[in-house]
Amino acid sequence: MPLETLLELTAGIFVIAILYSSVGHAGASGYIAVMSLLSLAPSVIKPTSLSLNVLVASIATWQFYRAGHFSWRLFWPFAILAVPFAFLGGYVSLPTYIFKIILGMVLIFSAVRCLFELQRDKQILQPPRFQAIAAGAGIGFISGLTGTGGGIFLTPILLFMGWAEVKTAAAVSALFILVNSMAGLAGYFANTRSLPSIIVPLFVAAALGGGIGSYFGSRRFDSVILKRFLAVVLFIAGTKLILT
């Protein structure tokens, strides 16, 4: 990879990690968008986004847990089947053109989600057990298949259905992303036995960005406006994947 491209990629990963970790996300859709805009191969995109997700989600989980926002009672029904299904999705290798279409749709969904933050003033309810388990299984499979952690799907569901407040949704999503990304990465590695060589500098950038974003997000500010700004990049990248 040319040095100029690597520097652009590293800078993009750093910024994405800050913005996404501030709301309990690990940034997979953002990493995918940056890598797609730089025309990286799908064989590099999937394992790289999952690896960075594991790192940033670990940091975000710790920060939001320390701030007192995590709920185990809300977390476990979504996670119990998400993990094995994420492993299965990570193991599956799709033809390139199908992978691009699915990934492009995920990015466009993420862009819409960034533009229209789903927050409603309503009484917080406990999710029905079966619905939570089924939703977790579906999200887990998609996350492993596409190299995302599933937070872009779980967070809006929790908020839209009135199952969590914003900070609690962020904390639960952070750990959900972590376990799904670990399972998806394990499935990918079981199939390929390799990781991209560019991963080390990207790890450093993601760790720094994730630490900054999750600290301020769990204690200081709401980054909804910044997430909406990112929607433009996500939409462009998603459209590029589908049309090329």
C-alpha atoms as a PDB file:
ATOM      1  CA  MET A   1       0.000   0.000   0.000  1.00  0.00           C
ATOM      2  CA  PRO A   2       1.383   3.474  -0.906  1.00  0.00           C
ATOM      3  CA  LEU A   3       2.477   5.548   2.093  1.00  0.00           C
ATOM      4  CA  GLU A   4       0.098   8.383   1.205  1.00  0.00           C
ATOM      5  CA  THR A   5      -2.878   6.000   1.179  1.00  0.00           C
ATOM      6  CA  LEU A   6      -1.810   4.459   4.488  1.00  0.00           C
ATOM      7  CA  LEU A   7      -1.565   7.915   6.096  1.00  0.00           C
ATOM      8  CA  GLU A   8      -5.009   8.872   4.797  1.00  0.00           C
ATOM      9  CA  LEU A   9      -6.426   5.592   6.083  1.00  0.00           C
ATOM     10  CA  THR A  10      -4.802   5.987   9.505  1.00  0.00           C
ATOM     11  CA  ALA A  11      -6.097   9.550   9.896  1.00  0.00           C
ATOM     12  CA  GLY A  12      -9.587   8.465   8.878  1.00  0.00           C
ATOM     13  CA  ILE A  13      -9.574   5.588  11.385  1.00  0.00           C
ATOM     14  CA  PHE A  14      -8.494   7.957  14.168  1.00  0.00           C
ATOM     15  CA  VAL A  15     -11.328  10.423  13.497  1.00  0.00           C
ATOM     16  CA  ILE A  16     -13.957   7.683  13.098  1.00  0.00           C
ATOM     17  CA  ALA A  17     -12.867   6.041  16.370  1.00  0.00           C
ATOM     18  CA  ILE A  18     -13.310   9.327  18.260  1.00  0.00           C
ATOM     19  CA  LEU A  19     -16.765  10.054  16.869  1.00  0.00           C
ATOM     20  CA  TYR A  20     -18.241   6.578  17.146  1.00  0.00           C
ATOM     21  CA  SER A  21     -16.790   5.608  20.523  1.00  0.00           C
ATOM     22  CA  SER A  22     -18.345   8.768  21.992  1.00  0.00           C
ATOM     23  CA  VAL A  23     -21.761   7.085  21.640  1.00  0.00           C
ATOM     24  CA  GLY A  24     -20.702   3.544  22.575  1.00  0.00           C
ATOM     25  CA  HIS A  25     -20.032   2.339  19.033  1.00  0.00           C
ATOM     26  CA  ALA A  26     -16.767   0.885  17.782  1.00  0.00           C
ATOM     27  CA  GLY A  27     -16.921   2.511  14.343  1.00  0.00           C
ATOM     28  CA  ALA A  28     -17.069  -0.467  11.958  1.00  0.00           C
ATOM     29  CA  SER A  29     -19.377   1.232   9.470  1.00  0.00           C
ATOM     30  CA  GLY A  30     -17.102   4.287   9.500  1.00  0.00           C
ATOM     31  CA  TYR A  31     -13.944   2.189   9.049  1.00  0.00           C
ATOM     32  CA  ILE A  32     -15.636   0.344   6.194  1.00  0.00           C
ATOM     33  CA  ALA A  33     -16.627   3.660   4.614  1.00  0.00           C
ATOM     34  CA  VAL A  34     -13.059   4.980   4.746  1.00  0.00           C
ATOM     35  CA  MET A  35     -11.586   1.744   3.382  1.00  0.00           C
ATOM     36  CA  SER A  36     -14.225   1.596   0.650  1.00  0.00           C
ATOM     37  CA  LEU A  37     -13.536   5.178  -0.421  1.00  0.00           C
ATOM     38  CA  LEU A  38      -9.833   4.277  -0.655  1.00  0.00           C
ATOM     39  CA  SER A  39     -10.761   1.211  -2.778  1.00  0.00           C
ATOM     40  CA  LEU A  40      -9.408  -1.479  -0.444  1.00  0.00           C
ATOM     41  CA  ALA A  41     -10.329  -5.063  -1.269  1.00  0.00           C
ATOM     42  CA  PRO A  42     -13.199  -6.810   0.592  1.00  0.00           C
ATOM     43  CA  SER A  43     -10.659  -9.388   1.816  1.00  0.00           C
ATOM     44  CA  VAL A  44      -8.964  -6.541   3.707  1.00  0.00           C
ATOM     45  CA  ILE A  45     -12.072  -4.605   4.754  1.00  0.00           C
ATOM     46  CA  LYS A  46     -13.863  -7.349   6.714  1.00  0.00           C
ATOM     47  CA  PRO A  47     -11.044  -8.553   9.027  1.00  0.00           C
ATOM     48  CA  THR A  48      -9.672  -5.029   9.511  1.00  0.00           C
ATOM     49  CA  SER A  49     -13.016  -3.575  10.583  1.00  0.00           C
ATOM     50  CA  LEU A  50     -13.659  -6.503  12.940  1.00  0.00           C
ATOM     51  CA  SER A  51     -10.177  -6.213  14.496  1.00  0.00           C
ATOM     52  CA  LEU A  52     -10.530  -2.468  15.052  1.00  0.00           C
ATOM     53  CA  ASN A  53     -14.009  -3.050  16.446  1.00  0.00           C
ATOM     54  CA  VAL A  54     -12.667  -5.417  19.096  1.00  0.00           C
ATOM     55  CA  LEU A  55     -10.113  -2.850  20.209  1.00  0.00           C
ATOM     56  CA  VAL A  56     -12.355   0.232  20.284  1.00  0.00           C
ATOM     57  CA  ALA A  57     -15.376  -1.605  21.704  1.00  0.00           C
ATOM     58  CA  SER A  58     -13.193  -2.857  24.575  1.00  0.00           C
ATOM     59  CA  ILE A  59     -12.221   0.707  25.432  1.00  0.00           C
ATOM     60  CA  ALA A  60     -15.783   2.017  25.072  1.00  0.00           C
ATOM     61  CA  THR A  61     -17.211  -0.821  27.183  1.00  0.00           C
ATOM     62  CA  TRP A  62     -14.804  -0.038  30.014  1.00  0.00           C
ATOM     63  CA  GLN A  63     -15.483   3.697  29.942  1.00  0.00           C
ATOM     64  CA  PHE A  64     -19.286   3.421  29.861  1.00  0.00           C
ATOM     65  CA  TYR A  65     -19.224   0.684  32.537  1.00  0.00           C
ATOM     66  CA  ARG A  66     -17.087   2.858  34.818  1.00  0.00           C
ATOM     67  CA  ALA A  67     -19.545   5.699  34.313  1.00  0.00           C
ATOM     68  CA  GLY A  68     -22.347   3.437  35.614  1.00  0.00           C
ATOM     69  CA  HIS A  69     -24.463   3.115  32.476  1.00  0.00           C
ATOM     70  CA  PHE A  70     -24.315  -0.649  31.785  1.00  0.00           C
ATOM     71  CA  SER A  71     -27.271  -3.017  32.350  1.00  0.00           C
ATOM     72  CA  TRP A  72     -26.574  -6.763  32.357  1.00  0.00           C
ATOM     73  CA  ARG A  73     -30.312  -7.520  32.498  1.00  0.00           C
ATOM     74  CA  LEU A  74     -30.811  -5.693  29.206  1.00  0.00           C
ATOM     75  CA  PHE A  75     -27.637  -7.014  27.592  1.00  0.00           C
ATOM     76  CA  TRP A  76     -27.737 -10.783  27.924  1.00  0.00           C
ATOM     77  CA  PRO A  77     -30.958 -11.646  25.994  1.00  0.00           C
ATOM     78  CA  PHE A  78     -29.618  -9.833  22.917  1.00  0.00           C
ATOM     79  CA  ALA A  79     -26.154 -11.365  23.238  1.00  0.00           C
ATOM     80  CA  ILE A  80     -26.913 -15.015  23.988  1.00  0.00           C
ATOM     81  CA  LEU A  81     -27.486 -16.039  20.341  1.00  0.00           C
ATOM     82  CA  ALA A  82     -25.717 -13.084  18.754  1.00  0.00           C
ATOM     83  CA  VAL A  83     -22.287 -14.539  19.539  1.00  0.00           C
ATOM     84  CA  PRO A  84     -22.663 -17.937  17.806  1.00  0.00           C
ATOM     85  CA  PHE A  85     -24.465 -16.338  14.863  1.00  0.00           C
ATOM     86  CA  ALA A  86     -21.708 -13.713  14.544  1.00  0.00           C
ATOM     87  CA  PHE A  87     -19.151 -16.548  14.428  1.00  0.00           C
ATOM     88  CA  LEU A  88     -21.189 -18.195  11.672  1.00  0.00           C
ATOM     89  CA  GLY A  89     -21.430 -14.928   9.733  1.00  0.00           C
ATOM     90  CA  GLY A  90     -17.690 -14.361  10.097  1.00  0.00           C
ATOM     91  CA  TYR A  91     -16.952 -17.846   8.775  1.00  0.00           C
ATOM     92  CA  VAL A  92     -19.073 -17.350   5.649  1.00  0.00           C
ATOM     93  CA  SER A  93     -17.271 -15.918   2.613  1.00  0.00           C
ATOM     94  CA  LEU A  94     -19.540 -14.290   0.043  1.00  0.00           C
ATOM     95  CA  PRO A  95     -18.784 -13.555  -3.622  1.00  0.00           C
ATOM     96  CA  THR A  96     -17.321 -10.053  -3.942  1.00  0.00           C
ATOM     97  CA  TYR A  97     -20.293  -8.481  -5.708  1.00  0.00           C
ATOM     98  CA  ILE A  98     -22.785  -9.827  -3.128  1.00  0.00           C
ATOM     99  CA  PHE A  99     -20.543  -8.702  -0.277  1.00  0.00           C
ATOM    100  CA  LYS A 100     -20.381  -5.192  -1.748  1.00  0.00           C
ATOM    101  CA  ILE A 101     -24.164  -4.933  -2.093  1.00  0.00           C
ATOM    102  CA  ILE A 102     -24.836  -6.107   1.478  1.00  0.00           C
ATOM    103  CA  LEU A 103     -22.086  -3.898   2.860  1.00  0.00           C
ATOM    104  CA  GLY A 104     -23.341  -0.917   0.881  1.00  0.00           C
ATOM    105  CA  MET A 105     -26.837  -1.391   2.298  1.00  0.00           C
ATOM    106  CA  VAL A 106     -25.392  -1.545   5.828  1.00  0.00           C
ATOM    107  CA  LEU A 107     -23.528   1.721   5.258  1.00  0.00           C
ATOM    108  CA  ILE A 108     -26.608   3.462   3.858  1.00  0.00           C
ATOM    109  CA  PHE A 109     -28.669   2.207   6.813  1.00  0.00           C
ATOM    110  CA  SER A 110     -25.998   3.589   9.128  1.00  0.00           C
ATOM    111  CA  ALA A 111     -26.113   6.942   7.310  1.00  0.00           C
ATOM    112  CA  VAL A 112     -29.879   7.148   7.751  1.00  0.00           C
ATOM    113  CA  ARG A 113     -29.487   6.232  11.389  1.00  0.00           C
ATOM    114  CA  CYS A 114     -26.938   9.031  11.864  1.00  0.00           C
ATOM    115  CA  LEU A 115     -29.243  11.579  10.245  1.00  0.00           C
ATOM    116  CA  PHE A 116     -32.317  10.623  12.233  1.00  0.00           C
ATOM    117  CA  GLU A 117     -31.293   9.877  15.792  1.00  0.00           C
ATOM    118  CA  LEU A 118     -34.031   7.710  17.248  1.00  0.00           C
ATOM    119  CA  GLN A 119     -34.720   9.170  20.687  1.00  0.00           C
ATOM    120  CA  ARG A 120     -38.162   9.260  22.213  1.00  0.00           C
ATOM    121  CA  ASP A 121     -39.410  10.533  25.547  1.00  0.00           C
ATOM    122  CA  LYS A 122     -41.246   7.505  26.848  1.00  0.00           C
ATOM    123  CA  GLN A 123     -41.296   5.165  29.802  1.00  0.00           C
ATOM    124  CA  ILE A 124     -38.433   2.655  29.727  1.00  0.00           C
ATOM    125  CA  LEU A 125     -39.756  -0.887  29.304  1.00  0.00           C
ATOM    126  CA  GLN A 126     -38.157  -4.318  29.646  1.00  0.00           C
ATOM    127  CA  PRO A 127     -37.933  -5.964  26.191  1.00  0.00           C
ATOM    128  CA  PRO A 128     -39.884  -9.235  25.673  1.00  0.00           C
ATOM    129  CA  ARG A 129     -37.392 -12.075  26.073  1.00  0.00           C
ATOM    130  CA  PHE A 130     -38.145 -13.864  22.788  1.00  0.00           C
ATOM    131  CA  GLN A 131     -37.992 -10.668  20.723  1.00  0.00           C
ATOM    132  CA  ALA A 132     -34.657  -9.710  22.265  1.00  0.00           C
ATOM    133  CA  ILE A 133     -33.117 -13.136  21.637  1.00  0.00           C
ATOM    134  CA  ALA A 134     -34.380 -13.290  18.040  1.00  0.00           C
ATOM    135  CA  ALA A 135     -33.197  -9.762  17.287  1.00  0.00           C
ATOM    136  CA  GLY A 136     -29.782 -10.536  18.750  1.00  0.00           C
ATOM    137  CA  ALA A 137     -29.388 -13.637  16.576  1.00  0.00           C
ATOM    138  CA  GLY A 138     -30.218 -11.725  13.394  1.00  0.00           C
ATOM    139  CA  ILE A 139     -27.995  -8.781  14.236  1.00  0.00           C
ATOM    140  CA  GLY A 140     -25.155 -11.126  15.204  1.00  0.00           C
ATOM    141  CA  PHE A 141     -25.217 -12.940  11.857  1.00  0.00           C
ATOM    142  CA  ILE A 142     -25.257  -9.691   9.858  1.00  0.00           C
ATOM    143  CA  SER A 143     -22.436  -8.258  11.959  1.00  0.00           C
ATOM    144  CA  GLY A 144     -20.192 -11.268  11.374  1.00  0.00           C
ATOM    145  CA  LEU A 145     -21.062 -11.426   7.680  1.00  0.00           C
ATOM    146  CA  THR A 146     -20.295  -7.771   6.959  1.00  0.00           C
ATOM    147  CA  GLY A 147     -17.503  -7.057   9.443  1.00  0.00           C
ATOM    148  CA  THR A 148     -19.560  -4.744  11.650  1.00  0.00           C
ATOM    149  CA  GLY A 149     -20.364  -5.129  15.333  1.00  0.00           C
ATOM    150  CA  GLY A 150     -24.147  -4.732  15.119  1.00  0.00           C
ATOM    151  CA  GLY A 151     -24.368  -1.543  17.169  1.00  0.00           C
ATOM    152  CA  ILE A 152     -25.818   0.437  14.263  1.00  0.00           C
ATOM    153  CA  PHE A 153     -28.821  -1.911  14.449  1.00  0.00           C
ATOM    154  CA  LEU A 154     -29.071  -2.563  18.194  1.00  0.00           C
ATOM    155  CA  THR A 155     -28.892   1.032  19.432  1.00  0.00           C
ATOM    156  CA  PRO A 156     -31.799   2.366  17.332  1.00  0.00           C
ATOM    157  CA  ILE A 157     -33.906  -0.679  18.256  1.00  0.00           C
ATOM    158  CA  LEU A 158     -33.326  -0.074  21.981  1.00  0.00           C
ATOM    159  CA  LEU A 159     -34.168   3.625  21.667  1.00  0.00           C
ATOM    160  CA  PHE A 160     -37.085   3.324  19.246  1.00  0.00           C
ATOM    161  CA  MET A 161     -38.797   0.585  21.283  1.00  0.00           C
ATOM    162  CA  GLY A 162     -38.260   2.460  24.552  1.00  0.00           C
ATOM    163  CA  TRP A 163     -36.130  -0.317  26.028  1.00  0.00           C
ATOM    164  CA  ALA A 164     -33.246   1.921  27.180  1.00  0.00           C
ATOM    165  CA  GLU A 165     -32.151   5.487  27.751  1.00  0.00           C
ATOM    166  CA  VAL A 166     -29.445   6.906  25.506  1.00  0.00           C
ATOM    167  CA  LYS A 167     -26.455   6.275  27.794  1.00  0.00           C
ATOM    168  CA  THR A 168     -27.655   2.789  28.740  1.00  0.00           C
ATOM    169  CA  ALA A 169     -28.181   1.933  25.066  1.00  0.00           C
ATOM    170  CA  ALA A 170     -24.644   3.110  24.351  1.00  0.00           C
ATOM    171  CA  ALA A 171     -23.173   1.011  27.164  1.00  0.00           C
ATOM    172  CA  VAL A 172     -25.093  -2.147  26.175  1.00  0.00           C
ATOM    173  CA  SER A 173     -24.244  -1.642  22.508  1.00  0.00           C
ATOM    174  CA  ALA A 174     -20.536  -1.279  23.313  1.00  0.00           C
ATOM    175  CA  LEU A 175     -20.304  -4.728  24.937  1.00  0.00           C
ATOM    176  CA  PHE A 176     -22.641  -6.213  22.305  1.00  0.00           C
ATOM    177  CA  ILE A 177     -20.309  -4.927  19.588  1.00  0.00           C
ATOM    178  CA  LEU A 178     -17.295  -6.316  21.446  1.00  0.00           C
ATOM    179  CA  VAL A 179     -18.571  -9.888  21.801  1.00  0.00           C
ATOM    180  CA  ASN A 180     -19.977  -9.966  18.261  1.00  0.00           C
ATOM    181  CA  SER A 181     -16.788  -8.599  16.739  1.00  0.00           C
ATOM    182  CA  MET A 182     -14.694 -11.137  18.647  1.00  0.00           C
ATOM    183  CA  ALA A 183     -16.932 -13.968  17.441  1.00  0.00           C
ATOM    184  CA  GLY A 184     -16.980 -12.676  13.860  1.00  0.00           C
ATOM    185  CA  LEU A 185     -13.199 -12.274  13.831  1.00  0.00           C
ATOM    186  CA  ALA A 186     -12.761 -15.776  15.254  1.00  0.00           C
ATOM    187  CA  GLY A 187     -15.008 -17.164  12.513  1.00  0.00           C
ATOM    188  CA  TYR A 188     -13.074 -15.288   9.823  1.00  0.00           C
ATOM    189  CA  PHE A 189      -9.715 -16.439  11.205  1.00  0.00           C
ATOM    190  CA  ALA A 190     -10.916 -20.039  11.434  1.00  0.00           C
ATOM    191  CA  ASN A 191     -11.634 -19.889   7.711  1.00  0.00           C
ATOM    192  CA  THR A 192      -8.603 -17.910   6.435  1.00  0.00           C
ATOM    193  CA  ARG A 193      -5.895 -18.122   9.136  1.00  0.00           C
ATOM    194  CA  SER A 194      -4.631 -14.651   8.242  1.00  0.00           C
ATOM    195  CA  LEU A 195      -5.009 -10.933   9.024  1.00  0.00           C
ATOM    196  CA  PRO A 196      -4.083  -7.913   6.865  1.00  0.00           C
ATOM    197  CA  SER A 197      -0.530  -6.615   7.240  1.00  0.00           C
ATOM    198  CA  ILE A 198      -1.664  -2.979   7.658  1.00  0.00           C
ATOM    199  CA  ILE A 199      -3.389  -3.685  10.968  1.00  0.00           C
ATOM    200  CA  VAL A 200      -0.663  -2.395  13.356  1.00  0.00           C
ATOM    201  CA  PRO A 201      -0.696   1.370  12.558  1.00  0.00           C
ATOM    202  CA  LEU A 202      -4.481   1.273  12.345  1.00  0.00           C
ATOM    203  CA  PHE A 203      -4.598  -0.292  15.838  1.00  0.00           C
ATOM    204  CA  VAL A 204      -2.604   2.624  17.245  1.00  0.00           C
ATOM    205  CA  ALA A 205      -4.887   5.188  15.603  1.00  0.00           C
ATOM    206  CA  ALA A 206      -8.052   3.393  16.731  1.00  0.00           C
ATOM    207  CA  ALA A 207      -6.803   2.995  20.306  1.00  0.00           C
ATOM    208  CA  LEU A 208      -6.030   6.707  20.630  1.00  0.00           C
ATOM    209  CA  GLY A 209      -9.290   7.773  19.019  1.00  0.00           C
ATOM    210  CA  GLY A 210     -11.347   5.252  20.980  1.00  0.00           C
ATOM    211  CA  GLY A 211      -9.866   6.362  24.275  1.00  0.00           C
ATOM    212  CA  ILE A 212     -10.564  10.034  23.595  1.00  0.00           C
ATOM    213  CA  GLY A 213     -14.075   9.543  22.221  1.00  0.00           C
ATOM    214  CA  SER A 214     -15.356   7.090  24.823  1.00  0.00           C
ATOM    215  CA  TYR A 215     -14.041   9.179  27.718  1.00  0.00           C
ATOM    216  CA  PHE A 216     -15.776  12.355  26.606  1.00  0.00           C
ATOM    217  CA  GLY A 217     -18.863  10.520  25.340  1.00  0.00           C
ATOM    218  CA  SER A 218     -19.473   8.699  28.612  1.00  0.00           C
ATOM    219  CA  ARG A 219     -18.922  11.792  30.757  1.00  0.00           C
ATOM    220  CA  ARG A 220     -19.003  15.043  28.792  1.00  0.00           C
ATOM    221  CA  PHE A 221     -20.931  15.474  25.572  1.00  0.00           C
ATOM    222  CA  ASP A 222     -23.479  14.162  23.092  1.00  0.00           C
ATOM    223  CA  SER A 223     -22.097  13.749  19.572  1.00  0.00           C
ATOM    224  CA  VAL A 224     -25.372  13.455  17.630  1.00  0.00           C
ATOM    225  CA  ILE A 225     -24.470  16.453  15.443  1.00  0.00           C
ATOM    226  CA  LEU A 226     -21.080  14.965  14.605  1.00  0.00           C
ATOM    227  CA  LYS A 227     -22.694  11.624  13.740  1.00  0.00           C
ATOM    228  CA  ARG A 228     -25.043  13.370  11.335  1.00  0.00           C
ATOM    229  CA  PHE A 229     -22.057  14.976   9.669  1.00  0.00           C
ATOM    230  CA  LEU A 230     -20.598  11.492   9.180  1.00  0.00           C
ATOM    231  CA  ALA A 231     -23.794  10.347   7.460  1.00  0.00           C
ATOM    232  CA  VAL A 232     -22.705  12.038   4.235  1.00  0.00           C
ATOM    233  CA  VAL A 233     -19.483  10.005   4.085  1.00  0.00           C
ATOM    234  CA  LEU A 234     -21.299   6.775   4.936  1.00  0.00           C
ATOM    235  CA  PHE A 235     -23.932   7.354   2.270  1.00  0.00           C
ATOM    236  CA  ILE A 236     -21.328   8.092  -0.406  1.00  0.00           C
ATOM    237  CA  ALA A 237     -19.302   5.009   0.495  1.00  0.00           C
ATOM    238  CA  GLY A 238     -22.376   2.765   0.578  1.00  0.00           C
ATOM    239  CA  THR A 239     -23.558   3.994  -2.794  1.00  0.00           C
ATOM    240  CA  LYS A 240     -20.050   3.539  -4.221  1.00  0.00           C
ATOM    241  CA  LEU A 241     -19.964  -0.097  -3.091  1.00  0.00           C
ATOM    242  CA  ILE A 242     -23.373  -0.906  -4.575  1.00  0.00           C
ATOM    243  CA  LEU A 243     -22.789   0.797  -7.945  1.00  0.00           C
ATOM    244  CA  THR A 244     -19.209  -0.341  -8.595  1.00  0.00           C
END
